[in-house]
Every structure is written in C-alpha cells, then in structure tokens.
N, C-alpha and C. Protein backbone atom coordinates (compact mmCIF):
# COMPACT_ATOMS: atom_id res chain seq x y z
N UNK A 1 -188.33 -90.36 19.41
CA UNK A 1 -188.66 -90.31 20.85
C UNK A 1 -187.48 -90.87 21.57
N UNK A 2 -186.45 -91.58 21.04
CA UNK A 2 -185.61 -92.28 21.92
C UNK A 2 -184.72 -90.78 22.28
N UNK A 3 -184.33 -89.91 21.38
CA UNK A 3 -183.56 -88.93 21.35
C UNK A 3 -184.23 -87.87 22.45
N UNK A 4 -185.61 -87.86 22.56
CA UNK A 4 -186.16 -86.82 23.62
C UNK A 4 -185.95 -87.49 25.05
N UNK A 5 -186.23 -88.86 25.01
CA UNK A 5 -186.05 -89.26 26.37
C UNK A 5 -184.51 -89.41 26.99
N UNK A 6 -183.55 -89.19 26.09
CA UNK A 6 -182.16 -89.17 26.04
C UNK A 6 -181.76 -87.70 26.44
N UNK A 7 -182.38 -86.81 25.99
CA UNK A 7 -182.27 -85.37 26.18
C UNK A 7 -182.87 -85.08 27.53
N UNK A 8 -184.08 -85.50 27.85
CA UNK A 8 -184.68 -85.35 29.23
C UNK A 8 -183.82 -85.94 30.42
N UNK A 9 -183.32 -87.23 29.95
CA UNK A 9 -182.50 -87.94 31.33
C UNK A 9 -181.28 -87.12 31.48
N UNK A 10 -180.67 -86.48 30.36
CA UNK A 10 -179.41 -85.66 30.23
C UNK A 10 -179.52 -84.40 31.09
N UNK A 11 -180.69 -83.93 30.82
CA UNK A 11 -180.90 -82.81 31.63
C UNK A 11 -181.18 -82.86 33.12
N UNK A 12 -181.85 -84.05 33.43
CA UNK A 12 -182.21 -84.26 34.90
C UNK A 12 -180.94 -84.57 35.47
N UNK A 13 -179.95 -85.27 34.92
CA UNK A 13 -178.61 -85.81 35.30
C UNK A 13 -178.02 -84.50 35.63
N UNK A 14 -177.81 -83.59 34.94
CA UNK A 14 -177.11 -82.57 34.87
C UNK A 14 -177.58 -81.71 36.16
N UNK A 15 -179.10 -81.50 36.11
CA UNK A 15 -179.54 -80.66 37.44
C UNK A 15 -179.16 -81.46 38.61
N UNK A 16 -179.19 -82.84 38.66
CA UNK A 16 -178.95 -83.63 40.01
C UNK A 16 -177.08 -83.03 40.20
N UNK A 17 -176.45 -83.11 39.13
CA UNK A 17 -175.02 -82.98 39.65
C UNK A 17 -174.78 -81.38 39.92
N UNK A 18 -175.51 -80.55 39.24
CA UNK A 18 -175.14 -79.04 39.56
C UNK A 18 -175.83 -78.62 40.96
N UNK A 19 -176.94 -79.18 41.46
CA UNK A 19 -177.64 -79.01 42.90
C UNK A 19 -177.94 -80.31 43.39
N UNK A 20 -176.84 -80.93 44.15
CA UNK A 20 -177.41 -82.05 44.78
C UNK A 20 -178.42 -81.88 45.58
N UNK A 21 -179.08 -82.91 46.18
CA UNK A 21 -180.38 -82.83 47.01
C UNK A 21 -180.04 -82.41 48.39
N UNK A 22 -178.84 -82.67 48.86
CA UNK A 22 -178.61 -82.20 50.24
C UNK A 22 -178.42 -80.63 50.29
N UNK A 23 -178.21 -79.88 49.21
CA UNK A 23 -177.75 -78.65 49.16
C UNK A 23 -179.20 -77.85 49.60
N UNK A 24 -179.17 -76.52 50.20
CA UNK A 24 -180.03 -75.93 50.26
C UNK A 24 -179.89 -74.70 49.14
N UNK A 25 -181.19 -74.21 48.98
CA UNK A 25 -181.21 -73.14 47.84
C UNK A 25 -181.55 -71.48 48.35
N UNK A 26 -180.51 -70.75 48.11
CA UNK A 26 -180.56 -69.45 48.56
C UNK A 26 -181.99 -69.11 47.78
N UNK A 27 -183.14 -68.47 48.47
CA UNK A 27 -184.69 -68.08 48.02
C UNK A 27 -184.23 -67.01 47.24
N UNK A 28 -183.22 -66.18 47.43
CA UNK A 28 -183.17 -64.82 46.23
C UNK A 28 -182.61 -64.92 45.21
N UNK A 29 -181.27 -65.60 45.22
CA UNK A 29 -180.43 -66.06 44.48
C UNK A 29 -180.76 -67.31 43.54
N UNK A 30 -181.36 -68.13 44.09
CA UNK A 30 -181.63 -69.48 43.46
C UNK A 30 -180.34 -70.24 43.05
N UNK A 31 -179.32 -69.92 43.76
CA UNK A 31 -178.20 -70.76 43.93
C UNK A 31 -177.94 -71.63 44.94
N UNK A 32 -177.39 -72.61 44.99
CA UNK A 32 -177.11 -73.85 45.72
C UNK A 32 -176.17 -73.39 47.26
N UNK A 33 -176.51 -73.44 48.43
CA UNK A 33 -175.56 -73.13 49.18
C UNK A 33 -174.90 -74.59 49.59
N UNK A 34 -173.66 -74.46 48.89
CA UNK A 34 -172.99 -75.77 49.06
C UNK A 34 -172.36 -76.10 50.67
N UNK A 35 -172.20 -77.19 50.62
CA UNK A 35 -171.38 -77.62 51.72
C UNK A 35 -169.90 -78.08 51.41
N UNK A 36 -168.94 -77.40 52.77
CA UNK A 36 -167.39 -78.15 52.20
C UNK A 36 -167.26 -79.45 52.19
N UNK A 37 -166.17 -80.01 51.96
CA UNK A 37 -166.01 -81.38 51.65
C UNK A 37 -166.24 -82.05 53.37
N UNK A 38 -166.02 -81.31 54.34
CA UNK A 38 -166.28 -82.06 55.56
C UNK A 38 -167.72 -82.14 55.88
N UNK A 39 -168.84 -81.75 55.15
CA UNK A 39 -170.08 -81.46 54.93
C UNK A 39 -170.57 -80.83 56.34
N UNK A 40 -169.99 -80.00 56.99
CA UNK A 40 -170.64 -79.33 58.20
C UNK A 40 -170.94 -78.03 58.04
N UNK A 41 -170.10 -76.95 57.09
CA UNK A 41 -169.87 -75.68 57.25
C UNK A 41 -170.34 -75.26 56.02
N UNK A 42 -171.46 -74.30 55.72
CA UNK A 42 -171.53 -73.98 54.41
C UNK A 42 -170.38 -73.05 53.67
N UNK A 43 -170.06 -73.18 52.52
CA UNK A 43 -168.98 -72.41 51.93
C UNK A 43 -169.59 -71.07 51.67
N UNK A 44 -168.71 -69.87 51.43
CA UNK A 44 -169.29 -68.53 51.53
C UNK A 44 -170.11 -68.50 49.96
N UNK A 45 -171.16 -67.75 50.19
CA UNK A 45 -171.94 -67.81 48.94
C UNK A 45 -172.01 -66.29 48.59
N UNK A 46 -171.85 -65.97 47.26
CA UNK A 46 -171.65 -64.61 47.02
C UNK A 46 -173.36 -63.93 47.16
N UNK A 47 -173.26 -63.33 47.85
CA UNK A 47 -174.76 -62.09 48.00
C UNK A 47 -174.21 -60.76 47.72
N UNK A 48 -174.46 -60.46 46.55
CA UNK A 48 -173.85 -58.94 46.18
C UNK A 48 -174.74 -57.91 47.04
N UNK A 49 -173.91 -56.91 46.91
CA UNK A 49 -174.73 -55.85 47.59
C UNK A 49 -175.17 -54.87 46.23
N UNK A 50 -176.26 -54.44 46.37
CA UNK A 50 -176.88 -54.00 44.99
C UNK A 50 -178.18 -52.95 45.28
N UNK A 51 -178.03 -52.00 44.47
CA UNK A 51 -179.39 -51.08 44.67
C UNK A 51 -180.45 -52.09 43.96
N UNK A 52 -181.64 -52.08 44.66
CA UNK A 52 -182.71 -52.75 43.58
C UNK A 52 -184.07 -51.67 44.17
N UNK A 53 -184.97 -52.26 43.20
CA UNK A 53 -186.30 -51.55 43.41
C UNK A 53 -186.91 -52.72 44.56
N UNK A 54 -187.24 -51.31 45.53
CA UNK A 54 -187.95 -52.01 46.92
C UNK A 54 -188.99 -50.75 46.95
N UNK A 55 -190.54 -51.33 47.08
CA UNK A 55 -191.40 -50.46 47.46
C UNK A 55 -191.28 -50.44 48.89
N UNK A 56 -191.34 -49.40 49.38
CA UNK A 56 -191.29 -49.45 51.09
C UNK A 56 -191.93 -48.12 51.71
N UNK A 57 -193.11 -48.28 52.62
CA UNK A 57 -193.35 -47.26 53.47
C UNK A 57 -192.62 -46.76 54.47
N UNK A 58 -191.42 -47.15 54.67
CA UNK A 58 -190.63 -46.83 55.45
C UNK A 58 -189.75 -45.35 55.08
N UNK A 59 -189.17 -44.42 55.82
CA UNK A 59 -188.59 -43.33 55.43
C UNK A 59 -187.34 -43.71 54.82
N UNK A 60 -186.57 -42.87 54.06
CA UNK A 60 -185.26 -42.92 53.38
C UNK A 60 -184.26 -43.02 54.84
N UNK A 61 -183.14 -43.80 54.51
CA UNK A 61 -182.68 -44.01 55.86
C UNK A 61 -182.73 -45.01 56.77
N UNK A 62 -184.19 -45.59 56.86
CA UNK A 62 -184.61 -46.79 57.45
C UNK A 62 -183.55 -47.99 56.96
N UNK A 63 -183.38 -48.96 58.07
CA UNK A 63 -182.76 -50.10 57.95
C UNK A 63 -183.70 -51.13 58.08
N UNK A 64 -184.27 -51.92 57.04
CA UNK A 64 -185.02 -53.23 57.46
C UNK A 64 -184.30 -54.40 57.29
N UNK A 65 -184.42 -55.36 58.19
CA UNK A 65 -183.70 -56.67 58.05
C UNK A 65 -184.89 -57.73 57.86
N UNK A 66 -184.97 -58.38 56.87
CA UNK A 66 -185.93 -59.44 56.64
C UNK A 66 -185.22 -61.02 57.18
N UNK A 67 -185.37 -61.33 58.17
CA UNK A 67 -184.63 -62.58 58.65
C UNK A 67 -185.15 -63.71 58.11
N UNK A 68 -186.37 -63.73 57.39
CA UNK A 68 -186.60 -65.07 56.83
C UNK A 68 -186.08 -65.28 55.25
N UNK A 69 -185.64 -63.96 54.55
CA UNK A 69 -185.03 -63.65 53.44
C UNK A 69 -183.39 -63.79 53.56
N UNK A 70 -183.08 -63.20 54.91
CA UNK A 70 -181.68 -63.37 55.27
C UNK A 70 -180.99 -62.04 54.34
N UNK A 71 -181.88 -60.81 54.46
CA UNK A 71 -181.25 -59.94 53.43
C UNK A 71 -181.70 -58.55 54.37
N UNK A 72 -180.84 -57.36 54.10
CA UNK A 72 -180.92 -56.32 54.65
C UNK A 72 -181.20 -55.15 53.98
N UNK A 73 -182.16 -54.30 54.12
CA UNK A 73 -182.37 -53.06 53.26
C UNK A 73 -182.31 -51.93 53.81
N UNK A 74 -181.19 -51.18 53.09
CA UNK A 74 -181.25 -49.89 53.61
C UNK A 74 -181.92 -48.73 52.44
N UNK A 75 -183.34 -48.28 53.09
CA UNK A 75 -183.87 -47.48 52.19
C UNK A 75 -183.56 -46.37 51.61
N UNK A 76 -183.48 -46.12 50.33
CA UNK A 76 -183.06 -44.86 49.58
C UNK A 76 -184.23 -43.95 49.31
N UNK A 77 -185.39 -44.50 48.92
CA UNK A 77 -186.27 -43.71 48.64
C UNK A 77 -187.51 -44.72 48.78
N UNK A 78 -188.87 -44.11 48.20
CA UNK A 78 -189.95 -44.91 48.60
C UNK A 78 -189.93 -46.20 47.56
N UNK A 79 -189.13 -46.05 46.48
CA UNK A 79 -189.06 -47.28 45.45
C UNK A 79 -187.50 -47.87 45.24
N UNK A 80 -186.77 -47.63 46.09
CA UNK A 80 -185.44 -47.95 45.95
C UNK A 80 -184.49 -48.53 47.25
N UNK A 81 -183.79 -49.37 47.40
CA UNK A 81 -182.91 -49.52 48.46
C UNK A 81 -181.57 -50.32 48.17
N UNK A 82 -180.90 -50.28 48.89
CA UNK A 82 -179.47 -51.10 48.87
C UNK A 82 -179.72 -52.29 49.84
N UNK A 83 -179.44 -53.51 48.96
CA UNK A 83 -179.82 -55.02 49.67
C UNK A 83 -178.60 -55.39 49.89
N UNK A 84 -178.33 -55.95 51.20
CA UNK A 84 -177.16 -56.72 51.60
C UNK A 84 -177.84 -57.99 52.13
N UNK A 85 -176.59 -58.98 51.99
CA UNK A 85 -176.92 -60.25 52.31
C UNK A 85 -176.35 -60.23 54.08
N UNK A 86 -176.97 -60.93 54.66
CA UNK A 86 -176.61 -61.08 56.30
C UNK A 86 -177.06 -62.26 56.95
N UNK A 87 -176.35 -62.78 57.99
CA UNK A 87 -176.55 -63.71 58.90
C UNK A 87 -177.45 -63.11 60.06
N UNK A 88 -178.45 -64.24 60.56
CA UNK A 88 -179.28 -63.71 61.46
C UNK A 88 -179.15 -65.02 62.68
N UNK A 89 -180.10 -64.71 63.58
CA UNK A 89 -180.08 -65.44 64.69
C UNK A 89 -180.65 -67.08 64.21
N UNK A 90 -179.89 -67.88 64.90
CA UNK A 90 -180.27 -69.07 64.87
C UNK A 90 -181.64 -69.66 65.62
N UNK A 91 -182.42 -70.78 65.41
CA UNK A 91 -183.14 -71.17 66.02
C UNK A 91 -183.22 -71.06 67.55
N UNK A 92 -184.17 -70.60 68.13
CA UNK A 92 -184.32 -70.13 69.63
C UNK A 92 -183.52 -68.59 69.73
N UNK A 93 -182.59 -67.86 68.77
CA UNK A 93 -182.21 -66.75 68.94
C UNK A 93 -182.81 -65.83 68.16
N UNK A 94 -183.94 -66.03 67.29
CA UNK A 94 -184.37 -65.06 66.53
C UNK A 94 -185.19 -63.99 67.08
N UNK A 95 -185.50 -62.84 66.48
CA UNK A 95 -186.22 -61.85 67.42
C UNK A 95 -186.79 -60.88 66.33
N UNK A 96 -187.58 -60.19 66.69
CA UNK A 96 -188.14 -59.02 65.88
C UNK A 96 -188.26 -57.71 66.52
N UNK A 97 -188.52 -56.48 65.84
CA UNK A 97 -189.03 -55.23 66.61
C UNK A 97 -188.32 -54.26 65.67
N UNK A 98 -188.47 -53.07 66.44
CA UNK A 98 -187.88 -51.87 66.01
C UNK A 98 -186.80 -51.22 66.68
N UNK A 99 -185.56 -51.01 66.93
CA UNK A 99 -184.73 -50.47 67.57
C UNK A 99 -184.23 -49.11 66.96
N UNK A 100 -183.27 -48.47 67.39
CA UNK A 100 -182.53 -47.38 66.78
C UNK A 100 -180.96 -47.44 67.13
N UNK A 101 -180.26 -47.26 66.31
CA UNK A 101 -178.89 -47.22 66.46
C UNK A 101 -178.48 -46.25 67.31
N UNK A 102 -177.78 -46.68 68.30
CA UNK A 102 -177.32 -45.69 69.53
C UNK A 102 -176.03 -45.65 69.76
N UNK A 103 -175.22 -46.38 68.92
CA UNK A 103 -173.70 -46.03 68.96
C UNK A 103 -173.07 -46.82 67.70
N UNK A 104 -171.78 -46.26 67.30
CA UNK A 104 -171.33 -47.14 66.41
C UNK A 104 -169.92 -47.08 66.57
N UNK A 105 -169.27 -48.30 65.92
CA UNK A 105 -167.78 -48.17 66.64
C UNK A 105 -167.10 -48.86 65.30
N UNK A 106 -165.74 -48.47 64.95
CA UNK A 106 -164.84 -49.11 64.22
C UNK A 106 -163.91 -50.13 64.87
N UNK A 107 -163.88 -50.97 64.27
CA UNK A 107 -163.13 -52.57 64.53
C UNK A 107 -163.45 -52.41 66.46
N UNK A 108 -164.71 -52.88 66.53
CA UNK A 108 -164.96 -53.05 68.09
C UNK A 108 -164.39 -54.16 68.87
N UNK A 109 -164.19 -53.77 69.97
CA UNK A 109 -163.97 -54.77 70.99
C UNK A 109 -165.02 -55.78 71.13
N UNK A 110 -164.77 -56.87 71.54
CA UNK A 110 -166.04 -57.88 71.69
C UNK A 110 -165.72 -58.61 73.39
N UNK A 111 -166.62 -58.43 74.13
CA UNK A 111 -166.93 -59.06 75.63
C UNK A 111 -167.95 -59.98 75.44
N UNK A 112 -168.15 -61.00 75.29
CA UNK A 112 -169.16 -61.97 75.09
C UNK A 112 -169.82 -61.86 76.47
N UNK A 113 -171.44 -61.66 76.32
CA UNK A 113 -172.13 -61.44 77.47
C UNK A 113 -172.25 -62.80 78.44
N UNK A 114 -172.79 -62.69 79.58
CA UNK A 114 -172.71 -63.70 80.57
C UNK A 114 -173.48 -64.91 80.03
N UNK A 115 -174.59 -64.71 79.21
CA UNK A 115 -175.30 -65.86 78.78
C UNK A 115 -174.63 -66.57 77.81
N UNK A 116 -173.88 -65.95 77.25
CA UNK A 116 -173.15 -66.66 75.92
C UNK A 116 -172.03 -67.69 76.62
N UNK A 117 -171.47 -67.09 77.54
CA UNK A 117 -170.21 -67.59 78.32
C UNK A 117 -170.84 -68.89 78.98
N UNK A 118 -171.99 -68.80 79.32
CA UNK A 118 -172.45 -69.87 80.16
C UNK A 118 -172.76 -71.19 79.13
N UNK A 119 -173.16 -70.75 77.72
CA UNK A 119 -173.34 -71.85 76.62
C UNK A 119 -171.73 -72.31 76.29
N UNK A 120 -171.16 -71.32 76.19
CA UNK A 120 -169.81 -71.54 75.71
C UNK A 120 -168.71 -71.00 76.42
N UNK A 121 -168.42 -71.78 77.44
CA UNK A 121 -167.17 -71.22 78.48
C UNK A 121 -165.84 -71.01 77.85
N UNK A 122 -165.72 -71.86 76.72
CA UNK A 122 -164.37 -71.91 76.09
C UNK A 122 -164.11 -70.21 75.67
N UNK A 123 -165.11 -69.72 75.11
CA UNK A 123 -164.89 -68.21 74.33
C UNK A 123 -164.10 -67.38 75.39
N UNK A 124 -163.26 -66.53 74.95
CA UNK A 124 -162.44 -65.48 75.49
C UNK A 124 -163.45 -64.65 76.34
N UNK A 125 -162.85 -64.25 77.39
CA UNK A 125 -163.70 -63.25 78.20
C UNK A 125 -163.59 -61.60 77.52
N UNK A 126 -162.54 -61.62 76.66
CA UNK A 126 -162.49 -60.09 75.95
C UNK A 126 -161.69 -60.59 74.76
N UNK A 127 -161.94 -59.58 73.77
CA UNK A 127 -161.04 -59.68 72.42
C UNK A 127 -160.94 -58.12 71.95
N UNK A 128 -159.79 -57.61 71.71
CA UNK A 128 -159.72 -56.32 71.03
C UNK A 128 -160.01 -56.52 69.67
N UNK A 129 -160.52 -55.33 69.15
CA UNK A 129 -160.82 -55.10 67.83
C UNK A 129 -159.65 -55.65 66.93
N UNK A 130 -160.15 -55.96 65.57
CA UNK A 130 -159.12 -56.50 64.81
C UNK A 130 -159.65 -57.54 63.73
N UNK A 131 -159.09 -58.04 62.92
CA UNK A 131 -159.48 -58.97 61.85
C UNK A 131 -159.94 -60.32 62.45
N UNK A 132 -159.40 -60.74 63.64
CA UNK A 132 -159.95 -62.13 64.06
C UNK A 132 -160.95 -61.90 65.23
N UNK A 133 -161.46 -60.61 65.41
CA UNK A 133 -162.51 -60.61 66.33
C UNK A 133 -163.95 -60.71 65.65
N UNK A 134 -164.98 -61.49 66.24
CA UNK A 134 -166.11 -62.03 65.47
C UNK A 134 -167.10 -60.65 65.05
N UNK A 135 -166.80 -59.44 65.77
CA UNK A 135 -167.48 -58.35 65.65
C UNK A 135 -167.17 -57.71 64.28
N UNK A 136 -166.21 -58.08 63.57
CA UNK A 136 -165.59 -57.77 62.24
C UNK A 136 -165.09 -56.41 62.52
N UNK A 137 -165.34 -55.45 60.93
CA UNK A 137 -164.78 -54.27 60.79
C UNK A 137 -165.57 -53.08 61.56
N UNK A 138 -167.07 -53.36 61.74
CA UNK A 138 -167.55 -52.05 62.11
C UNK A 138 -168.84 -52.78 63.01
N UNK A 139 -169.32 -51.96 64.00
CA UNK A 139 -170.65 -52.40 64.76
C UNK A 139 -171.54 -51.36 64.80
N UNK A 140 -173.02 -51.44 64.79
CA UNK A 140 -173.86 -50.37 64.97
C UNK A 140 -174.57 -51.16 66.15
N UNK A 141 -174.92 -50.57 67.36
CA UNK A 141 -175.40 -51.09 68.61
C UNK A 141 -176.94 -50.70 68.35
N UNK A 142 -177.44 -51.77 68.76
CA UNK A 142 -179.32 -51.22 68.77
C UNK A 142 -179.70 -51.29 70.05
N UNK A 143 -180.12 -49.99 70.29
CA UNK A 143 -180.81 -49.72 71.42
C UNK A 143 -179.96 -50.36 72.52
N UNK A 144 -180.72 -50.57 73.93
CA UNK A 144 -180.15 -50.93 75.08
C UNK A 144 -179.80 -52.41 75.01
N UNK A 145 -179.88 -53.20 73.86
CA UNK A 145 -180.06 -54.43 73.91
C UNK A 145 -178.54 -55.07 73.49
N UNK A 146 -178.21 -56.16 73.80
CA UNK A 146 -177.08 -56.92 73.34
C UNK A 146 -176.73 -57.23 71.83
N UNK A 147 -177.94 -56.86 71.05
CA UNK A 147 -177.83 -56.94 69.56
C UNK A 147 -177.19 -56.01 68.96
N UNK A 148 -176.41 -56.07 67.99
CA UNK A 148 -175.85 -55.48 66.92
C UNK A 148 -175.72 -55.88 65.29
N UNK A 149 -175.51 -54.97 64.74
CA UNK A 149 -175.25 -55.19 63.53
C UNK A 149 -173.94 -54.88 63.09
N UNK A 150 -173.13 -55.96 62.72
CA UNK A 150 -171.71 -56.09 62.83
C UNK A 150 -171.12 -57.05 61.88
N UNK A 151 -169.79 -56.62 61.25
CA UNK A 151 -169.42 -57.41 60.50
C UNK A 151 -169.03 -58.84 61.06
N UNK A 152 -168.30 -59.51 60.37
CA UNK A 152 -167.85 -60.99 60.89
C UNK A 152 -166.63 -61.57 60.39
N UNK A 153 -165.92 -62.13 61.06
CA UNK A 153 -164.55 -62.74 60.62
C UNK A 153 -164.97 -64.06 60.01
N UNK A 154 -166.36 -64.58 59.69
CA UNK A 154 -166.67 -65.74 59.27
C UNK A 154 -167.30 -65.23 57.92
N UNK A 155 -166.88 -65.01 56.89
CA UNK A 155 -167.94 -64.75 55.65
C UNK A 155 -168.80 -65.90 55.41
N UNK A 156 -168.32 -67.01 55.57
CA UNK A 156 -169.24 -68.27 55.09
C UNK A 156 -170.50 -68.19 55.84
N UNK A 157 -170.64 -67.34 57.13
CA UNK A 157 -171.99 -67.57 57.52
C UNK A 157 -173.11 -66.45 57.34
N UNK A 158 -172.61 -65.57 56.14
CA UNK A 158 -173.73 -64.62 55.47
C UNK A 158 -174.49 -65.59 54.99
N UNK A 159 -175.91 -64.95 55.01
CA UNK A 159 -177.18 -65.81 54.40
C UNK A 159 -177.47 -67.03 55.32
N UNK A 160 -176.87 -66.98 56.47
CA UNK A 160 -177.49 -68.14 57.25
C UNK A 160 -177.92 -67.99 58.67
N UNK A 161 -178.77 -68.80 59.37
CA UNK A 161 -179.26 -68.36 60.66
C UNK A 161 -178.06 -69.18 61.53
N UNK A 162 -177.00 -68.39 62.19
CA UNK A 162 -175.97 -68.99 62.90
C UNK A 162 -175.83 -68.11 64.14
N UNK A 163 -176.28 -66.87 64.01
CA UNK A 163 -175.66 -66.09 65.18
C UNK A 163 -176.55 -66.38 66.71
N UNK A 164 -176.12 -65.53 67.91
CA UNK A 164 -176.96 -65.57 68.84
C UNK A 164 -178.09 -64.35 68.92
N UNK A 165 -178.39 -63.85 67.85
CA UNK A 165 -179.27 -62.98 67.66
C UNK A 165 -178.63 -61.60 66.82
N UNK A 166 -177.53 -61.37 66.91
CA UNK A 166 -177.05 -60.26 66.18
C UNK A 166 -177.00 -60.43 64.70
N UNK A 167 -177.11 -59.49 63.70
CA UNK A 167 -177.11 -59.41 62.43
C UNK A 167 -175.75 -59.11 62.07
N UNK A 168 -175.23 -60.23 61.20
CA UNK A 168 -173.86 -60.29 60.53
C UNK A 168 -173.72 -59.71 59.18
N UNK A 169 -172.82 -59.17 59.00
CA UNK A 169 -172.53 -58.82 57.53
C UNK A 169 -171.21 -59.22 56.96
N UNK A 170 -171.04 -59.00 55.80
CA UNK A 170 -169.57 -58.97 55.42
C UNK A 170 -168.83 -57.64 55.59
N UNK A 171 -167.52 -57.82 55.98
CA UNK A 171 -166.94 -56.56 56.50
C UNK A 171 -167.04 -55.40 55.43
N UNK A 172 -166.81 -55.72 54.08
CA UNK A 172 -167.04 -54.60 53.25
C UNK A 172 -168.35 -53.95 53.31
N UNK A 173 -169.35 -54.99 53.34
CA UNK A 173 -170.91 -54.27 53.41
C UNK A 173 -171.07 -53.51 54.63
N UNK A 174 -170.72 -54.06 55.84
CA UNK A 174 -170.76 -53.28 57.06
C UNK A 174 -170.36 -51.88 57.17
N UNK A 175 -168.97 -51.70 56.42
CA UNK A 175 -168.37 -50.49 56.34
C UNK A 175 -169.07 -49.57 55.41
N UNK A 176 -169.89 -50.08 54.29
CA UNK A 176 -170.79 -49.40 53.58
C UNK A 176 -171.85 -48.63 54.07
N UNK A 177 -172.53 -49.84 55.04
CA UNK A 177 -173.74 -49.61 55.73
C UNK A 177 -173.23 -48.52 56.78
N UNK A 178 -171.88 -48.46 57.39
CA UNK A 178 -171.70 -47.86 58.63
C UNK A 178 -171.48 -46.29 58.02
N UNK A 179 -171.09 -45.95 56.76
CA UNK A 179 -170.72 -44.72 56.45
C UNK A 179 -172.22 -44.03 56.14
N UNK A 180 -173.27 -45.05 55.80
CA UNK A 180 -174.64 -44.44 55.43
C UNK A 180 -175.65 -44.10 56.69
N UNK A 181 -175.41 -45.20 57.66
CA UNK A 181 -176.21 -44.80 58.54
C UNK A 181 -175.73 -44.11 59.91
N UNK A 182 -176.61 -43.25 60.48
CA UNK A 182 -176.31 -42.25 61.47
C UNK A 182 -176.48 -42.94 62.65
N UNK A 183 -176.12 -42.62 63.88
CA UNK A 183 -176.73 -42.62 65.28
C UNK A 183 -178.12 -42.20 65.24
N UNK A 184 -179.03 -42.69 65.72
CA UNK A 184 -180.58 -42.38 65.48
C UNK A 184 -181.49 -43.08 64.42
N UNK A 185 -180.51 -43.94 63.37
CA UNK A 185 -181.23 -44.62 62.30
C UNK A 185 -182.24 -45.53 62.99
N UNK A 186 -183.21 -45.63 62.26
CA UNK A 186 -184.24 -46.73 62.74
C UNK A 186 -183.86 -47.84 62.30
N UNK A 187 -184.14 -48.82 62.88
CA UNK A 187 -183.80 -50.60 62.56
C UNK A 187 -185.15 -51.32 62.83
N UNK A 188 -185.60 -51.81 61.48
CA UNK A 188 -186.84 -52.56 61.68
C UNK A 188 -186.37 -54.08 61.71
N UNK A 189 -186.39 -55.08 62.61
CA UNK A 189 -186.17 -56.43 62.28
C UNK A 189 -187.53 -57.25 61.78
N UNK A 190 -187.73 -57.77 60.79
CA UNK A 190 -189.13 -58.67 60.47
C UNK A 190 -188.73 -59.94 60.47
N UNK A 191 -189.80 -60.83 61.01
CA UNK A 191 -189.68 -62.20 61.03
C UNK A 191 -190.69 -62.94 59.88
C-alpha cells in the first residue's frame, strides 16, 4: 500500500512540475503555454502546420478561422484541410463573419489606423515592409475592412488572443497560405 501511495504522489508531483497551475493549456495540443521568466509574455508554442481530417461543408479553397480554437483551416476537400495555428483578436476586438480576400501583398507596408493610434500614440505612423514590420512576410486583405490575415514579427503570439482583430500567422505559414489562396477566396471567421 505504501508503495502505491508513493507512486501516486510521485506521479502527481511530476504533473505539477510539468504543467504549473498558472500555465494555460493549448486546447488542441494539450501542451502548456508557458510564461517566460518575467511572467508576462507567453513563449512561442509550436503549433505545427499539418494536413488533418476535417469534415467540411465548405468548398475546397475556403479559409475557415476558428477563433475559439485559435486555428485556421484551408479546406482541401470535404474531408481534409490544412490546419495552421493563428493569433486572433483580444477581448473587445473579436469578430466573426464571411469576407473575401480582396488583395494580397508580399512584405506589406503598415500604416496603423487612426483608432489604433488613439489607443497607442507611440506607434509609428508608417512602416515599410520587412522583418521588423508587424504585418510579417505576407498579407491577405479581407474585404473592405481593416482586418488582414498576415504574418507576424512576434511568433510568440500565435495561439493567443492578442491582436486588434487581425488574424496572425507564423511567417512560414502565411507564405504557405499566400501561395494557396487566390484573390476572391472565401474567408469564414467563426466565434
């Protein structure tokens, strides 16, 4: 009996060490989203791009963004999709609906909108495209909105709800999506 109690205690202690109570758990990978030593910014969590079984009523080529899951699906067929990890709008900046890709850009420039500058007057008024630009390597513009699907110079935000409504991706993932999606592609954002 004592051996059983020690084994259970060791297993519980190992679980506590492996995933501290303060760590959030990624709902899909079940891996802890660890905090850095300063305790305020999540470290990058590997969310691999992969082809998955996905039963969809949407046509091949459709992009689905599940904001609760923080995943994007590029529909390949009625039973398969490519799944990507994404960053989504933080509380107060969530949205849902159907849009179309109206424009695509490589290494896009960034001009923060007026409402963002009111919240963050410290932001630059314009940034040329490049590795330091928050828009990342590629951008897909959604309808006539200010929202984009774009890369990021902050890979640690992928899998998090931190944006002002844009859908963020790892640069290598947005480059992959950019090659697959055409102007006119349907984008469905679910909450």
